[in-house]
Amino acid sequence: MVEGDSGWNCWPYTSVPVNVVGWAVTSRDQLLWDDESVDIYVGDIADNASQCAEACGRFFHQDGDYSSCPGGAPHHYDMSLWLTEGLAAGGAGADWGQRVGSEYFVNNVDSENIHVFLHATGHSFGLDDFYDWQPSGVDAFIMYAGSSTVVTEFDGWMLRDWWRHLKPRYEL
């Protein structure tokens, strides 16, 4: 959302907190700390990337039943960020989370805007790609891949439109 727009059309949030609840690695030695304050998943590989337990993922349990998740519902995750070797500056996003090239992400982790990750995150929240058409008078926004490296005011309007359609569907 664009700064100062909370409350538009009864938007219920002033911020959206992000909590890291787990790490997935091929080997525990990859983590440079001994702290076990979050869940650590070792050796669970899918599509050439480490993943957290499917038993704890909202994508895999859209019914909200996390009874098979070690630690139960308090240890579930809503989205995952898959850092995948060899994707270069590519990525993907959907309701399961984001998948981004590990080299790209690590090399840009200190950047204010990691635009491939921002674009993929837009997909995780239901925003569409704009590859085959461009809205009149708008030439750069994060969901028009490659046209912007920052979230723009138009991206804020796209999120408003998403909320406008979602709110009545779920009587929010």
C-alpha atoms as a PDB file:
ATOM      1  CA  MET A   1       0.000   0.000   0.000  1.00  0.00           C
ATOM      2  CA  VAL A   2       1.081   3.539  -0.567  1.00  0.00           C
ATOM      3  CA  GLU A   3       1.963   5.415   2.657  1.00  0.00           C
ATOM      4  CA  GLY A   4      -1.073   6.969   4.316  1.00  0.00           C
ATOM      5  CA  ASP A   5      -3.699   4.846   2.551  1.00  0.00           C
ATOM      6  CA  SER A   6      -4.672   2.520   5.394  1.00  0.00           C
ATOM      7  CA  GLY A   7      -8.388   2.523   5.911  1.00  0.00           C
ATOM      8  CA  TRP A   8      -9.348   2.896   2.225  1.00  0.00           C
ATOM      9  CA  ASN A   9     -12.651   1.109   1.696  1.00  0.00           C
ATOM     10  CA  CYS A  10     -12.418  -0.288   5.246  1.00  0.00           C
ATOM     11  CA  TRP A  11      -8.970  -1.834   4.717  1.00  0.00           C
ATOM     12  CA  PRO A  12      -8.453  -3.403   8.151  1.00  0.00           C
ATOM     13  CA  TYR A  13      -4.662  -3.103   8.464  1.00  0.00           C
ATOM     14  CA  THR A  14      -2.230  -0.283   9.144  1.00  0.00           C
ATOM     15  CA  SER A  15       0.687  -2.667   8.631  1.00  0.00           C
ATOM     16  CA  VAL A  16       1.272  -6.286   7.691  1.00  0.00           C
ATOM     17  CA  PRO A  17       3.790  -7.928  10.019  1.00  0.00           C
ATOM     18  CA  VAL A  18       6.108 -10.600   8.629  1.00  0.00           C
ATOM     19  CA  ASN A  19       7.421 -13.276  10.963  1.00  0.00           C
ATOM     20  CA  VAL A  20      10.087 -15.803  10.025  1.00  0.00           C
ATOM     21  CA  VAL A  21       8.874 -19.050  11.536  1.00  0.00           C
ATOM     22  CA  GLY A  22      11.281 -21.544   9.982  1.00  0.00           C
ATOM     23  CA  TRP A  23      14.342 -22.221   7.873  1.00  0.00           C
ATOM     24  CA  ALA A  24      14.785 -25.016   5.356  1.00  0.00           C
ATOM     25  CA  VAL A  25      18.300 -26.213   4.524  1.00  0.00           C
ATOM     26  CA  THR A  26      19.971 -29.205   2.935  1.00  0.00           C
ATOM     27  CA  SER A  27      22.365 -29.432   5.895  1.00  0.00           C
ATOM     28  CA  ARG A  28      22.179 -27.931   9.400  1.00  0.00           C
ATOM     29  CA  ASP A  29      25.786 -26.760   8.890  1.00  0.00           C
ATOM     30  CA  GLN A  30      24.486 -24.126   6.438  1.00  0.00           C
ATOM     31  CA  LEU A  31      23.105 -22.099   9.335  1.00  0.00           C
ATOM     32  CA  LEU A  32      25.727 -20.123  11.193  1.00  0.00           C
ATOM     33  CA  TRP A  33      23.933 -20.132  14.548  1.00  0.00           C
ATOM     34  CA  ASP A  34      22.914 -22.633  17.193  1.00  0.00           C
ATOM     35  CA  ASP A  35      19.707 -20.841  18.177  1.00  0.00           C
ATOM     36  CA  GLU A  36      16.618 -22.987  17.664  1.00  0.00           C
ATOM     37  CA  SER A  37      14.049 -20.229  18.260  1.00  0.00           C
ATOM     38  CA  VAL A  38      12.385 -21.066  14.932  1.00  0.00           C
ATOM     39  CA  ASP A  39      11.759 -24.436  13.319  1.00  0.00           C
ATOM     40  CA  ILE A  40      14.582 -25.811  11.175  1.00  0.00           C
ATOM     41  CA  TYR A  41      13.809 -28.293   8.409  1.00  0.00           C
ATOM     42  CA  VAL A  42      16.771 -30.290   7.120  1.00  0.00           C
ATOM     43  CA  GLY A  43      16.964 -32.298   3.928  1.00  0.00           C
ATOM     44  CA  ASP A  44      13.388 -31.924   2.647  1.00  0.00           C
ATOM     45  CA  ILE A  45      14.008 -31.189  -1.043  1.00  0.00           C
ATOM     46  CA  ALA A  46      11.350 -30.411  -3.653  1.00  0.00           C
ATOM     47  CA  ASP A  47      11.975 -29.060  -7.152  1.00  0.00           C
ATOM     48  CA  ASN A  48      15.711 -28.723  -6.419  1.00  0.00           C
ATOM     49  CA  ALA A  49      15.187 -26.492  -3.356  1.00  0.00           C
ATOM     50  CA  SER A  50      14.991 -27.038   0.394  1.00  0.00           C
ATOM     51  CA  GLN A  51      11.498 -26.670   1.781  1.00  0.00           C
ATOM     52  CA  CYS A  52       9.775 -26.489   5.134  1.00  0.00           C
ATOM     53  CA  ALA A  53       7.487 -29.367   6.079  1.00  0.00           C
ATOM     54  CA  GLU A  54       4.435 -29.552   3.840  1.00  0.00           C
ATOM     55  CA  ALA A  55       2.456 -30.621   6.928  1.00  0.00           C
ATOM     56  CA  CYS A  56       2.926 -27.057   8.236  1.00  0.00           C
ATOM     57  CA  GLY A  57       2.146 -25.137   5.025  1.00  0.00           C
ATOM     58  CA  ARG A  58      -1.128 -23.270   4.453  1.00  0.00           C
ATOM     59  CA  PHE A  59      -0.892 -24.004   0.711  1.00  0.00           C
ATOM     60  CA  PHE A  60      -0.936 -27.741   1.484  1.00  0.00           C
ATOM     61  CA  HIS A  61      -3.587 -27.457   4.236  1.00  0.00           C
ATOM     62  CA  GLN A  62      -6.069 -24.849   3.095  1.00  0.00           C
ATOM     63  CA  ASP A  63      -8.579 -26.452   5.456  1.00  0.00           C
ATOM     64  CA  GLY A  64      -6.493 -25.121   8.385  1.00  0.00           C
ATOM     65  CA  ASP A  65      -5.770 -28.613   9.736  1.00  0.00           C
ATOM     66  CA  TYR A  66      -2.170 -28.556  10.963  1.00  0.00           C
ATOM     67  CA  SER A  67      -2.522 -31.617  13.206  1.00  0.00           C
ATOM     68  CA  SER A  68       0.333 -33.350  11.331  1.00  0.00           C
ATOM     69  CA  CYS A  69       2.628 -30.329  11.704  1.00  0.00           C
ATOM     70  CA  PRO A  70       5.244 -30.789  14.444  1.00  0.00           C
ATOM     71  CA  GLY A  71       4.141 -28.218  17.012  1.00  0.00           C
ATOM     72  CA  GLY A  72       0.646 -27.949  15.508  1.00  0.00           C
ATOM     73  CA  ALA A  73      -0.994 -24.790  14.201  1.00  0.00           C
ATOM     74  CA  PRO A  74       1.296 -22.378  16.105  1.00  0.00           C
ATOM     75  CA  HIS A  75       4.164 -23.666  13.920  1.00  0.00           C
ATOM     76  CA  HIS A  76       2.434 -23.352  10.544  1.00  0.00           C
ATOM     77  CA  TYR A  77       3.592 -21.015   7.768  1.00  0.00           C
ATOM     78  CA  ASP A  78       1.484 -19.060   5.304  1.00  0.00           C
ATOM     79  CA  MET A  79       4.082 -18.470   2.584  1.00  0.00           C
ATOM     80  CA  SER A  80       7.582 -19.634   1.843  1.00  0.00           C
ATOM     81  CA  LEU A  81      10.485 -17.970   0.105  1.00  0.00           C
ATOM     82  CA  TRP A  82      12.371 -20.507  -1.979  1.00  0.00           C
ATOM     83  CA  LEU A  83      15.865 -19.378  -2.875  1.00  0.00           C
ATOM     84  CA  THR A  84      16.765 -21.556  -5.833  1.00  0.00           C
ATOM     85  CA  GLU A  85      20.217 -21.892  -7.351  1.00  0.00           C
ATOM     86  CA  GLY A  86      20.360 -21.263 -11.076  1.00  0.00           C
ATOM     87  CA  LEU A  87      17.271 -19.054 -11.480  1.00  0.00           C
ATOM     88  CA  ALA A  88      19.598 -16.074 -12.023  1.00  0.00           C
ATOM     89  CA  ALA A  89      17.402 -12.944 -11.848  1.00  0.00           C
ATOM     90  CA  GLY A  90      14.230 -14.930 -12.409  1.00  0.00           C
ATOM     91  CA  GLY A  91      11.455 -15.784 -10.038  1.00  0.00           C
ATOM     92  CA  ALA A  92       7.871 -16.841  -9.525  1.00  0.00           C
ATOM     93  CA  GLY A  93       5.118 -16.208  -7.040  1.00  0.00           C
ATOM     94  CA  ALA A  94       1.693 -17.589  -6.161  1.00  0.00           C
ATOM     95  CA  ASP A  95      -0.412 -18.339  -3.105  1.00  0.00           C
ATOM     96  CA  TRP A  96       2.318 -20.663  -1.793  1.00  0.00           C
ATOM     97  CA  GLY A  97       4.924 -17.872  -1.639  1.00  0.00           C
ATOM     98  CA  GLN A  98       7.855 -16.713  -3.756  1.00  0.00           C
ATOM     99  CA  ARG A  99      10.667 -18.465  -5.604  1.00  0.00           C
ATOM    100  CA  VAL A 100      13.686 -16.347  -6.464  1.00  0.00           C
ATOM    101  CA  GLY A 101      17.188 -17.039  -7.735  1.00  0.00           C
ATOM    102  CA  SER A 102      19.460 -17.488  -4.708  1.00  0.00           C
ATOM    103  CA  GLU A 103      22.402 -15.696  -6.329  1.00  0.00           C
ATOM    104  CA  TYR A 104      20.232 -12.706  -7.256  1.00  0.00           C
ATOM    105  CA  PHE A 105      18.586 -12.522  -3.830  1.00  0.00           C
ATOM    106  CA  VAL A 106      21.820 -12.843  -1.832  1.00  0.00           C
ATOM    107  CA  ASN A 107      23.583 -10.260  -4.016  1.00  0.00           C
ATOM    108  CA  ASN A 108      20.719  -7.793  -3.511  1.00  0.00           C
ATOM    109  CA  VAL A 109      19.653  -8.525   0.075  1.00  0.00           C
ATOM    110  CA  ASP A 110      20.928  -5.123   1.272  1.00  0.00           C
ATOM    111  CA  SER A 111      19.093  -3.269  -1.518  1.00  0.00           C
ATOM    112  CA  GLU A 112      16.069  -1.187  -0.605  1.00  0.00           C
ATOM    113  CA  ASN A 113      14.055  -2.847  -3.372  1.00  0.00           C
ATOM    114  CA  ILE A 114      14.626  -6.391  -4.633  1.00  0.00           C
ATOM    115  CA  HIS A 115      12.304  -5.952  -7.606  1.00  0.00           C
ATOM    116  CA  VAL A 116      12.065  -9.599  -8.719  1.00  0.00           C
ATOM    117  CA  PHE A 117      11.073 -10.542  -5.156  1.00  0.00           C
ATOM    118  CA  LEU A 118       8.622  -7.603  -5.005  1.00  0.00           C
ATOM    119  CA  HIS A 119       7.035  -8.727  -8.288  1.00  0.00           C
ATOM    120  CA  ALA A 120       6.769 -12.343  -7.057  1.00  0.00           C
ATOM    121  CA  THR A 121       5.263 -11.133  -3.770  1.00  0.00           C
ATOM    122  CA  GLY A 122       2.613  -9.273  -5.776  1.00  0.00           C
ATOM    123  CA  HIS A 123       1.589 -12.643  -7.220  1.00  0.00           C
ATOM    124  CA  SER A 124       1.462 -14.138  -3.717  1.00  0.00           C
ATOM    125  CA  PHE A 125      -1.171 -11.531  -2.876  1.00  0.00           C
ATOM    126  CA  GLY A 126      -3.161 -12.200  -6.034  1.00  0.00           C
ATOM    127  CA  LEU A 127      -1.899  -9.497  -8.416  1.00  0.00           C
ATOM    128  CA  ASP A 128      -1.637 -10.399 -12.096  1.00  0.00           C
ATOM    129  CA  ASP A 129       1.199 -10.019 -14.584  1.00  0.00           C
ATOM    130  CA  PHE A 130       1.031  -7.327 -17.212  1.00  0.00           C
ATOM    131  CA  TYR A 131       3.140  -8.822 -19.992  1.00  0.00           C
ATOM    132  CA  ASP A 132       0.780  -8.550 -22.942  1.00  0.00           C
ATOM    133  CA  TRP A 133      -0.879  -5.162 -22.372  1.00  0.00           C
ATOM    134  CA  GLN A 134      -0.202  -1.906 -20.658  1.00  0.00           C
ATOM    135  CA  PRO A 135      -2.783   0.375 -19.015  1.00  0.00           C
ATOM    136  CA  SER A 136      -3.188   3.676 -20.805  1.00  0.00           C
ATOM    137  CA  GLY A 137      -0.942   6.403 -19.406  1.00  0.00           C
ATOM    138  CA  VAL A 138       1.056   4.059 -17.147  1.00  0.00           C
ATOM    139  CA  ASP A 139       4.489   2.970 -18.269  1.00  0.00           C
ATOM    140  CA  ALA A 140       6.176   1.581 -15.147  1.00  0.00           C
ATOM    141  CA  PHE A 141       4.944  -0.478 -12.197  1.00  0.00           C
ATOM    142  CA  ILE A 142       6.266  -3.523 -10.359  1.00  0.00           C
ATOM    143  CA  MET A 143       3.694  -5.968 -11.805  1.00  0.00           C
ATOM    144  CA  TYR A 144       4.659  -4.919 -15.362  1.00  0.00           C
ATOM    145  CA  ALA A 145       7.828  -6.994 -15.180  1.00  0.00           C
ATOM    146  CA  GLY A 146      11.010  -5.174 -16.064  1.00  0.00           C
ATOM    147  CA  SER A 147       9.427  -1.728 -16.187  1.00  0.00           C
ATOM    148  CA  SER A 148      10.093  -0.664 -12.583  1.00  0.00           C
ATOM    149  CA  THR A 149      12.447  -1.652  -9.790  1.00  0.00           C
ATOM    150  CA  VAL A 150      10.243  -0.077  -7.096  1.00  0.00           C
ATOM    151  CA  VAL A 151       6.630  -0.344  -5.976  1.00  0.00           C
ATOM    152  CA  THR A 152       4.783   2.567  -7.584  1.00  0.00           C
ATOM    153  CA  GLU A 153       1.594   4.473  -6.900  1.00  0.00           C
ATOM    154  CA  PHE A 154      -0.090   2.466  -9.661  1.00  0.00           C
ATOM    155  CA  ASP A 155       0.792  -0.768  -7.804  1.00  0.00           C
ATOM    156  CA  GLY A 156      -1.088   0.733  -4.846  1.00  0.00           C
ATOM    157  CA  TRP A 157      -4.097   1.269  -7.087  1.00  0.00           C
ATOM    158  CA  MET A 158      -3.882  -2.351  -8.259  1.00  0.00           C
ATOM    159  CA  LEU A 159      -3.958  -3.487  -4.627  1.00  0.00           C
ATOM    160  CA  ARG A 160      -6.988  -1.255  -4.008  1.00  0.00           C
ATOM    161  CA  ASP A 161      -8.743  -2.877  -6.968  1.00  0.00           C
ATOM    162  CA  TRP A 162      -7.879  -6.337  -5.616  1.00  0.00           C
ATOM    163  CA  TRP A 163      -9.379  -5.346  -2.233  1.00  0.00           C
ATOM    164  CA  ARG A 164     -12.471  -3.889  -3.933  1.00  0.00           C
ATOM    165  CA  HIS A 165     -13.177  -7.298  -5.517  1.00  0.00           C
ATOM    166  CA  LEU A 166     -12.126  -9.446  -2.549  1.00  0.00           C
ATOM    167  CA  LYS A 167     -14.025  -7.582   0.185  1.00  0.00           C
ATOM    168  CA  PRO A 168     -17.610  -8.316  -0.979  1.00  0.00           C
ATOM    169  CA  ARG A 169     -16.756 -11.886  -2.006  1.00  0.00           C
ATOM    170  CA  TYR A 170     -15.839 -12.743   1.581  1.00  0.00           C
ATOM    171  CA  GLU A 171     -18.133 -10.179   3.235  1.00  0.00           C
ATOM    172  CA  LEU A 172     -15.191  -8.428   4.854  1.00  0.00           C
END
